[in-house]
Amino acid sequence: MSSAGTVVIGPAETLPQLRARLDERPDTAAFSDAEIPEALQVIAEQRPSLVCLDRLFAATTRGMAFVKRLSADVSGDFEIRVVAHDDDYSRIVRPSRGSAGQAPSPDPLAPELDPSAAAPDTKPLDRTGTRAAPRYKIREGVEVQVDGNPVTLVNLSTTGAQIVSPTILRPNQIIRVTVAYAREVIRFSASIAWASMEMSKVPGKPQYRAGVEFNHGDFDAIQEFCERYHE
């Protein structure tokens, strides 16, 4: 492999789009999220100027651990950037030492990816963050089904949701979501963007909080559901 000035890491299916976002730089080395050891070896040996992570990977437990490991590396002068493969979102997690006036957050991903963060009770579109649609905080007690199992909705938009589930959920897991209200039943596929285990109100019984990204669905019906059940 030739010397890498940029290292790109993400799900295998998004790597072509990520490389395109970087204008197909000839010195780019791309790795899937299943090739983390190989990526670390290249970073350690070649010291690229930029490490670019797909936002979906960065939101997983492995991705967060990877970012923290790289952020703690004081021997390398490289920038860590989280980007989306399908829109113009881009966020510097760790600036290079040559980036004057910028400093990494003590917990770089916490403001945007911390699953325990409170959902904003606001409807306007957040054009500077990670959301592509307004997100609604859902009133307590509203449930939907994931793979036939009931889960609690925390917040919801036409593109995704935050849920709490009594059954195990894992990043990148493909799920089937069923939303029933009034006389309608909405069914669509989705994927788990991030997931974390936490303790429930029942002692000794864990639950799983997760961010869900909808692959497709009846967006008009989901929007109507949001407007009916938001706080």
C-alpha atoms as a PDB file:
ATOM      1  CA  MET A   1       0.000   0.000   0.000  1.00  0.00           C
ATOM      2  CA  SER A   2       1.265   3.462  -0.844  1.00  0.00           C
ATOM      3  CA  SER A   3       1.676   6.054   1.871  1.00  0.00           C
ATOM      4  CA  ALA A   4      -1.713   7.153   3.233  1.00  0.00           C
ATOM      5  CA  GLY A   5      -2.356  10.842   3.806  1.00  0.00           C
ATOM      6  CA  THR A   6      -5.989  10.113   4.647  1.00  0.00           C
ATOM      7  CA  VAL A   7      -7.579   7.087   6.295  1.00  0.00           C
ATOM      8  CA  VAL A   8     -11.313   6.513   5.829  1.00  0.00           C
ATOM      9  CA  ILE A   9     -13.302   4.065   7.983  1.00  0.00           C
ATOM     10  CA  GLY A  10     -16.957   3.093   7.757  1.00  0.00           C
ATOM     11  CA  PRO A  11     -19.413   0.359   6.796  1.00  0.00           C
ATOM     12  CA  ALA A  12     -18.298  -1.365   3.595  1.00  0.00           C
ATOM     13  CA  GLU A  13     -21.376  -0.214   1.706  1.00  0.00           C
ATOM     14  CA  THR A  14     -20.697   3.493   2.425  1.00  0.00           C
ATOM     15  CA  LEU A  15     -16.968   3.581   1.630  1.00  0.00           C
ATOM     16  CA  PRO A  16     -17.399   4.580  -2.041  1.00  0.00           C
ATOM     17  CA  GLN A  17     -19.540   7.581  -1.042  1.00  0.00           C
ATOM     18  CA  LEU A  18     -17.090   8.555   1.701  1.00  0.00           C
ATOM     19  CA  ARG A  19     -14.170   8.452  -0.723  1.00  0.00           C
ATOM     20  CA  ALA A  20     -16.173  10.525  -3.198  1.00  0.00           C
ATOM     21  CA  ARG A  21     -16.708  13.159  -0.491  1.00  0.00           C
ATOM     22  CA  LEU A  22     -12.927  13.412  -0.231  1.00  0.00           C
ATOM     23  CA  ASP A  23     -12.665  13.988  -4.004  1.00  0.00           C
ATOM     24  CA  GLU A  24     -11.069  10.554  -4.480  1.00  0.00           C
ATOM     25  CA  ARG A  25      -7.733  11.669  -3.040  1.00  0.00           C
ATOM     26  CA  PRO A  26      -5.050   9.344  -4.430  1.00  0.00           C
ATOM     27  CA  ASP A  27      -3.388   8.993  -1.011  1.00  0.00           C
ATOM     28  CA  THR A  28      -6.571   7.703   0.688  1.00  0.00           C
ATOM     29  CA  ALA A  29      -6.633   4.309   2.402  1.00  0.00           C
ATOM     30  CA  ALA A  30     -10.166   2.997   3.040  1.00  0.00           C
ATOM     31  CA  PHE A  31     -11.127   0.361   5.616  1.00  0.00           C
ATOM     32  CA  SER A  32     -14.465  -1.180   6.533  1.00  0.00           C
ATOM     33  CA  ASP A  33     -15.587  -1.217  10.164  1.00  0.00           C
ATOM     34  CA  ALA A  34     -14.583  -4.899  10.202  1.00  0.00           C
ATOM     35  CA  GLU A  35     -10.959  -3.947   9.495  1.00  0.00           C
ATOM     36  CA  ILE A  36     -10.165  -1.840  12.553  1.00  0.00           C
ATOM     37  CA  PRO A  37      -6.857  -3.627  13.403  1.00  0.00           C
ATOM     38  CA  GLU A  38      -5.594  -3.008   9.858  1.00  0.00           C
ATOM     39  CA  ALA A  39      -6.678   0.655  10.031  1.00  0.00           C
ATOM     40  CA  LEU A  40      -4.892   1.132  13.357  1.00  0.00           C
ATOM     41  CA  GLN A  41      -1.733  -0.388  11.932  1.00  0.00           C
ATOM     42  CA  VAL A  42      -1.724   2.002   8.965  1.00  0.00           C
ATOM     43  CA  ILE A  43      -2.409   4.982  11.239  1.00  0.00           C
ATOM     44  CA  ALA A  44       0.413   3.952  13.588  1.00  0.00           C
ATOM     45  CA  GLU A  45       2.918   3.349  10.785  1.00  0.00           C
ATOM     46  CA  GLN A  46       2.064   6.060   8.263  1.00  0.00           C
ATOM     47  CA  ARG A  47       0.681   8.850  10.449  1.00  0.00           C
ATOM     48  CA  PRO A  48      -1.933  10.268   8.037  1.00  0.00           C
ATOM     49  CA  SER A  49      -2.973  13.898   8.271  1.00  0.00           C
ATOM     50  CA  LEU A  50      -6.694  13.033   8.349  1.00  0.00           C
ATOM     51  CA  VAL A  51      -8.710  10.146   9.808  1.00  0.00           C
ATOM     52  CA  CYS A  52     -12.269  10.306   8.473  1.00  0.00           C
ATOM     53  CA  LEU A  53     -15.041   8.228  10.093  1.00  0.00           C
ATOM     54  CA  ASP A  54     -18.534   7.495   8.822  1.00  0.00           C
ATOM     55  CA  ARG A  55     -21.047   8.970  11.265  1.00  0.00           C
ATOM     56  CA  LEU A  56     -22.955   5.674  11.602  1.00  0.00           C
ATOM     57  CA  PHE A  57     -19.765   3.846  12.604  1.00  0.00           C
ATOM     58  CA  ALA A  58     -18.701   6.650  14.960  1.00  0.00           C
ATOM     59  CA  ALA A  59     -22.046   6.306  16.791  1.00  0.00           C
ATOM     60  CA  THR A  60     -21.511   2.613  17.616  1.00  0.00           C
ATOM     61  CA  THR A  61     -19.839   1.369  20.777  1.00  0.00           C
ATOM     62  CA  ARG A  62     -16.814   0.226  18.739  1.00  0.00           C
ATOM     63  CA  GLY A  63     -16.702   3.546  16.940  1.00  0.00           C
ATOM     64  CA  MET A  64     -16.775   5.569  20.161  1.00  0.00           C
ATOM     65  CA  ALA A  65     -13.975   3.416  21.611  1.00  0.00           C
ATOM     66  CA  PHE A  66     -11.986   3.875  18.403  1.00  0.00           C
ATOM     67  CA  VAL A  67     -12.377   7.660  18.492  1.00  0.00           C
ATOM     68  CA  LYS A  68     -11.332   7.854  22.137  1.00  0.00           C
ATOM     69  CA  ARG A  69      -8.297   5.683  21.445  1.00  0.00           C
ATOM     70  CA  LEU A  70      -7.177   7.898  18.570  1.00  0.00           C
ATOM     71  CA  SER A  71      -7.955  11.084  20.500  1.00  0.00           C
ATOM     72  CA  ALA A  72      -5.627   9.935  23.281  1.00  0.00           C
ATOM     73  CA  ASP A  73      -2.748   9.433  20.823  1.00  0.00           C
ATOM     74  CA  VAL A  74      -0.461  12.388  21.533  1.00  0.00           C
ATOM     75  CA  SER A  75       2.263  11.158  19.164  1.00  0.00           C
ATOM     76  CA  GLY A  76       0.338  11.832  15.959  1.00  0.00           C
ATOM     77  CA  ASP A  77      -0.511  15.200  14.409  1.00  0.00           C
ATOM     78  CA  PHE A  78      -3.691  14.198  12.594  1.00  0.00           C
ATOM     79  CA  GLU A  79      -7.250  15.453  12.429  1.00  0.00           C
ATOM     80  CA  ILE A  80     -10.187  13.185  13.257  1.00  0.00           C
ATOM     81  CA  ARG A  81     -13.353  14.078  11.397  1.00  0.00           C
ATOM     82  CA  VAL A  82     -16.824  12.473  11.546  1.00  0.00           C
ATOM     83  CA  VAL A  83     -18.816  12.790   8.308  1.00  0.00           C
ATOM     84  CA  ALA A  84     -22.019  11.461   6.789  1.00  0.00           C
ATOM     85  CA  HIS A  85     -21.774   9.500   3.567  1.00  0.00           C
ATOM     86  CA  ASP A  86     -25.123  10.775   2.265  1.00  0.00           C
ATOM     87  CA  ASP A  87     -25.165  14.488   3.121  1.00  0.00           C
ATOM     88  CA  ASP A  88     -22.793  17.377   3.822  1.00  0.00           C
ATOM     89  CA  TYR A  89     -22.544  16.826   7.595  1.00  0.00           C
ATOM     90  CA  SER A  90     -18.957  17.114   8.869  1.00  0.00           C
ATOM     91  CA  ARG A  91     -17.637  17.558  12.408  1.00  0.00           C
ATOM     92  CA  ILE A  92     -14.064  17.795  13.697  1.00  0.00           C
ATOM     93  CA  VAL A  93     -13.599  15.615  16.763  1.00  0.00           C
ATOM     94  CA  ARG A  94      -9.884  16.211  17.130  1.00  0.00           C
ATOM     95  CA  PRO A  95      -8.140  19.025  15.235  1.00  0.00           C
ATOM     96  CA  SER A  96      -4.557  18.688  14.087  1.00  0.00           C
ATOM     97  CA  ARG A  97      -2.019  20.636  16.099  1.00  0.00           C
ATOM     98  CA  GLY A  98      -1.760  23.093  13.234  1.00  0.00           C
ATOM     99  CA  SER A  99      -5.439  24.078  13.545  1.00  0.00           C
ATOM    100  CA  ALA A 100      -5.198  27.311  15.499  1.00  0.00           C
ATOM    101  CA  GLY A 101      -7.991  28.243  17.853  1.00  0.00           C
ATOM    102  CA  GLN A 102      -9.632  24.813  17.918  1.00  0.00           C
ATOM    103  CA  ALA A 103      -9.676  22.366  20.793  1.00  0.00           C
ATOM    104  CA  PRO A 104     -11.293  18.947  21.085  1.00  0.00           C
ATOM    105  CA  SER A 105     -14.184  18.480  23.468  1.00  0.00           C
ATOM    106  CA  PRO A 106     -13.283  16.573  26.689  1.00  0.00           C
ATOM    107  CA  ASP A 107     -15.841  13.978  25.570  1.00  0.00           C
ATOM    108  CA  PRO A 108     -15.845  14.542  21.804  1.00  0.00           C
ATOM    109  CA  LEU A 109     -18.959  12.618  20.824  1.00  0.00           C
ATOM    110  CA  ALA A 110     -21.079  13.307  23.885  1.00  0.00           C
ATOM    111  CA  PRO A 111     -23.021  16.363  22.648  1.00  0.00           C
ATOM    112  CA  GLU A 112     -24.358  14.530  19.639  1.00  0.00           C
ATOM    113  CA  LEU A 113     -24.134  10.783  20.218  1.00  0.00           C
ATOM    114  CA  ASP A 114     -24.612  10.257  23.959  1.00  0.00           C
ATOM    115  CA  PRO A 115     -27.672   7.943  24.081  1.00  0.00           C
ATOM    116  CA  SER A 116     -28.666   9.203  27.534  1.00  0.00           C
ATOM    117  CA  ALA A 117     -28.888  12.810  26.383  1.00  0.00           C
ATOM    118  CA  ALA A 118     -32.312  14.379  26.789  1.00  0.00           C
ATOM    119  CA  ALA A 119     -34.323  14.731  23.620  1.00  0.00           C
ATOM    120  CA  PRO A 120     -34.920  18.377  22.716  1.00  0.00           C
ATOM    121  CA  ASP A 121     -38.525  19.427  22.983  1.00  0.00           C
ATOM    122  CA  THR A 122     -38.514  21.454  19.800  1.00  0.00           C
ATOM    123  CA  LYS A 123     -39.916  21.128  16.326  1.00  0.00           C
ATOM    124  CA  PRO A 124     -37.781  23.375  14.081  1.00  0.00           C
ATOM    125  CA  LEU A 125     -35.381  21.645  11.723  1.00  0.00           C
ATOM    126  CA  ASP A 126     -31.843  21.431  13.097  1.00  0.00           C
ATOM    127  CA  ARG A 127     -29.802  22.309  10.025  1.00  0.00           C
ATOM    128  CA  THR A 128     -26.462  22.436  11.855  1.00  0.00           C
ATOM    129  CA  GLY A 129     -26.671  19.094  13.653  1.00  0.00           C
ATOM    130  CA  THR A 130     -27.139  15.491  12.635  1.00  0.00           C
ATOM    131  CA  ARG A 131     -30.863  15.516  11.959  1.00  0.00           C
ATOM    132  CA  ALA A 132     -32.435  15.581   8.533  1.00  0.00           C
ATOM    133  CA  ALA A 133     -35.981  16.085   9.891  1.00  0.00           C
ATOM    134  CA  PRO A 134     -37.665  17.665  12.935  1.00  0.00           C
ATOM    135  CA  ARG A 135     -37.625  15.321  15.934  1.00  0.00           C
ATOM    136  CA  TYR A 136     -40.508  15.180  18.414  1.00  0.00           C
ATOM    137  CA  LYS A 137     -40.305  14.127  22.028  1.00  0.00           C
ATOM    138  CA  ILE A 138     -43.012  11.480  22.482  1.00  0.00           C
ATOM    139  CA  ARG A 139     -45.204  11.478  25.557  1.00  0.00           C
ATOM    140  CA  GLU A 140     -44.593   8.804  28.153  1.00  0.00           C
ATOM    141  CA  GLY A 141     -46.127   5.373  27.682  1.00  0.00           C
ATOM    142  CA  VAL A 142     -46.327   5.307  23.870  1.00  0.00           C
ATOM    143  CA  GLU A 143     -45.083   1.987  22.500  1.00  0.00           C
ATOM    144  CA  VAL A 144     -44.257   0.550  19.088  1.00  0.00           C
ATOM    145  CA  GLN A 145     -42.972  -2.888  18.138  1.00  0.00           C
ATOM    146  CA  VAL A 146     -39.501  -3.904  17.004  1.00  0.00           C
ATOM    147  CA  ASP A 147     -39.347  -7.419  15.540  1.00  0.00           C
ATOM    148  CA  GLY A 148     -42.627  -8.150  17.291  1.00  0.00           C
ATOM    149  CA  ASN A 149     -41.429  -6.972  20.732  1.00  0.00           C
ATOM    150  CA  PRO A 150     -42.841  -3.844  22.440  1.00  0.00           C
ATOM    151  CA  VAL A 151     -40.423  -0.937  22.897  1.00  0.00           C
ATOM    152  CA  THR A 152     -40.884   2.547  24.351  1.00  0.00           C
ATOM    153  CA  LEU A 153     -40.564   5.571  22.077  1.00  0.00           C
ATOM    154  CA  VAL A 154     -38.420   8.402  23.472  1.00  0.00           C
ATOM    155  CA  ASN A 155     -38.442  10.622  20.399  1.00  0.00           C
ATOM    156  CA  LEU A 156     -39.414  10.243  16.777  1.00  0.00           C
ATOM    157  CA  SER A 157     -39.018  11.851  13.359  1.00  0.00           C
ATOM    158  CA  THR A 158     -39.723  10.732   9.810  1.00  0.00           C
ATOM    159  CA  THR A 159     -36.112   9.550   9.505  1.00  0.00           C
ATOM    160  CA  GLY A 160     -35.433   7.893  12.856  1.00  0.00           C
ATOM    161  CA  ALA A 161     -36.203   7.428  16.523  1.00  0.00           C
ATOM    162  CA  GLN A 162     -34.765   6.817  19.949  1.00  0.00           C
ATOM    163  CA  ILE A 163     -36.230   3.789  21.717  1.00  0.00           C
ATOM    164  CA  VAL A 164     -35.856   1.827  24.945  1.00  0.00           C
ATOM    165  CA  SER A 165     -36.169  -1.940  24.636  1.00  0.00           C
ATOM    166  CA  PRO A 166     -36.232  -4.811  27.152  1.00  0.00           C
ATOM    167  CA  THR A 167     -34.585  -7.045  24.531  1.00  0.00           C
ATOM    168  CA  ILE A 168     -31.018  -6.799  23.233  1.00  0.00           C
ATOM    169  CA  LEU A 169     -30.333  -4.381  20.374  1.00  0.00           C
ATOM    170  CA  ARG A 170     -26.961  -4.114  18.625  1.00  0.00           C
ATOM    171  CA  PRO A 171     -25.438  -1.480  16.299  1.00  0.00           C
ATOM    172  CA  ASN A 172     -25.968  -2.182  12.581  1.00  0.00           C
ATOM    173  CA  GLN A 173     -28.770  -4.657  13.382  1.00  0.00           C
ATOM    174  CA  ILE A 174     -31.558  -4.634  10.798  1.00  0.00           C
ATOM    175  CA  ILE A 175     -34.993  -4.523  12.424  1.00  0.00           C
ATOM    176  CA  ARG A 176     -38.664  -4.449  11.480  1.00  0.00           C
ATOM    177  CA  VAL A 177     -40.697  -1.627  13.037  1.00  0.00           C
ATOM    178  CA  THR A 178     -44.473  -1.743  13.481  1.00  0.00           C
ATOM    179  CA  VAL A 179     -46.402   1.382  14.475  1.00  0.00           C
ATOM    180  CA  ALA A 180     -50.123   1.003  15.162  1.00  0.00           C
ATOM    181  CA  TYR A 181     -52.482   3.888  15.827  1.00  0.00           C
ATOM    182  CA  ALA A 182     -56.094   4.700  15.081  1.00  0.00           C
ATOM    183  CA  ARG A 183     -57.020   2.264  12.297  1.00  0.00           C
ATOM    184  CA  GLU A 184     -53.615   2.262  10.634  1.00  0.00           C
ATOM    185  CA  VAL A 185     -50.629  -0.055  10.959  1.00  0.00           C
ATOM    186  CA  ILE A 186     -47.304   1.176   9.571  1.00  0.00           C
ATOM    187  CA  ARG A 187     -44.572  -1.381   8.931  1.00  0.00           C
ATOM    188  CA  PHE A 188     -41.077  -0.628   7.654  1.00  0.00           C
ATOM    189  CA  SER A 189     -37.457  -1.731   7.939  1.00  0.00           C
ATOM    190  CA  ALA A 190     -34.819   0.166   9.912  1.00  0.00           C
ATOM    191  CA  SER A 191     -31.318  -0.240  11.304  1.00  0.00           C
ATOM    192  CA  ILE A 192     -29.774   0.359  14.717  1.00  0.00           C
ATOM    193  CA  ALA A 193     -27.342   3.305  14.502  1.00  0.00           C
ATOM    194  CA  TRP A 194     -26.149   3.012  18.128  1.00  0.00           C
ATOM    195  CA  ALA A 195     -27.149   1.060  21.226  1.00  0.00           C
ATOM    196  CA  SER A 196     -26.193   0.965  24.901  1.00  0.00           C
ATOM    197  CA  MET A 197     -27.206  -1.148  27.874  1.00  0.00           C
ATOM    198  CA  GLU A 198     -28.559   0.524  31.003  1.00  0.00           C
ATOM    199  CA  MET A 199     -30.356  -0.548  34.155  1.00  0.00           C
ATOM    200  CA  SER A 200     -34.139  -0.441  34.157  1.00  0.00           C
ATOM    201  CA  LYS A 201     -36.431   0.376  37.072  1.00  0.00           C
ATOM    202  CA  VAL A 202     -36.573  -3.358  37.812  1.00  0.00           C
ATOM    203  CA  PRO A 203     -33.484  -4.254  39.915  1.00  0.00           C
ATOM    204  CA  GLY A 204     -31.075  -6.546  38.116  1.00  0.00           C
ATOM    205  CA  LYS A 205     -32.903  -6.299  34.791  1.00  0.00           C
ATOM    206  CA  PRO A 206     -31.131  -4.343  32.022  1.00  0.00           C
ATOM    207  CA  GLN A 207     -32.732  -2.471  29.155  1.00  0.00           C
ATOM    208  CA  TYR A 208     -31.324  -1.201  25.872  1.00  0.00           C
ATOM    209  CA  ARG A 209     -31.481   2.368  24.631  1.00  0.00           C
ATOM    210  CA  ALA A 210     -30.917   2.722  20.905  1.00  0.00           C
ATOM    211  CA  GLY A 211     -30.956   5.141  18.010  1.00  0.00           C
ATOM    212  CA  VAL A 212     -32.901   3.859  15.014  1.00  0.00           C
ATOM    213  CA  GLU A 213     -32.455   4.975  11.414  1.00  0.00           C
ATOM    214  CA  PHE A 214     -35.431   4.286   9.131  1.00  0.00           C
ATOM    215  CA  ASN A 215     -34.566   2.729   5.776  1.00  0.00           C
ATOM    216  CA  HIS A 216     -37.938   3.534   4.253  1.00  0.00           C
ATOM    217  CA  GLY A 217     -41.554   3.892   5.300  1.00  0.00           C
ATOM    218  CA  ASP A 218     -44.764   5.868   5.021  1.00  0.00           C
ATOM    219  CA  PHE A 219     -43.281   9.211   6.023  1.00  0.00           C
ATOM    220  CA  ASP A 220     -46.601  11.072   5.910  1.00  0.00           C
ATOM    221  CA  ALA A 221     -48.138   8.583   8.346  1.00  0.00           C
ATOM    222  CA  ILE A 222     -45.097   8.789  10.637  1.00  0.00           C
ATOM    223  CA  GLN A 223     -45.328  12.591  10.626  1.00  0.00           C
ATOM    224  CA  GLU A 224     -49.017  12.367  11.556  1.00  0.00           C
ATOM    225  CA  PHE A 225     -48.119   9.963  14.384  1.00  0.00           C
ATOM    226  CA  CYS A 226     -45.480  12.457  15.636  1.00  0.00           C
ATOM    227  CA  GLU A 227     -47.960  15.296  15.694  1.00  0.00           C
ATOM    228  CA  ARG A 228     -50.555  13.208  17.506  1.00  0.00           C
ATOM    229  CA  TYR A 229     -48.338  11.748  20.254  1.00  0.00           C
ATOM    230  CA  HIS A 230     -45.658  14.365  20.941  1.00  0.00           C
ATOM    231  CA  GLU A 231     -45.495  16.082  24.320  1.00  0.00           C
END
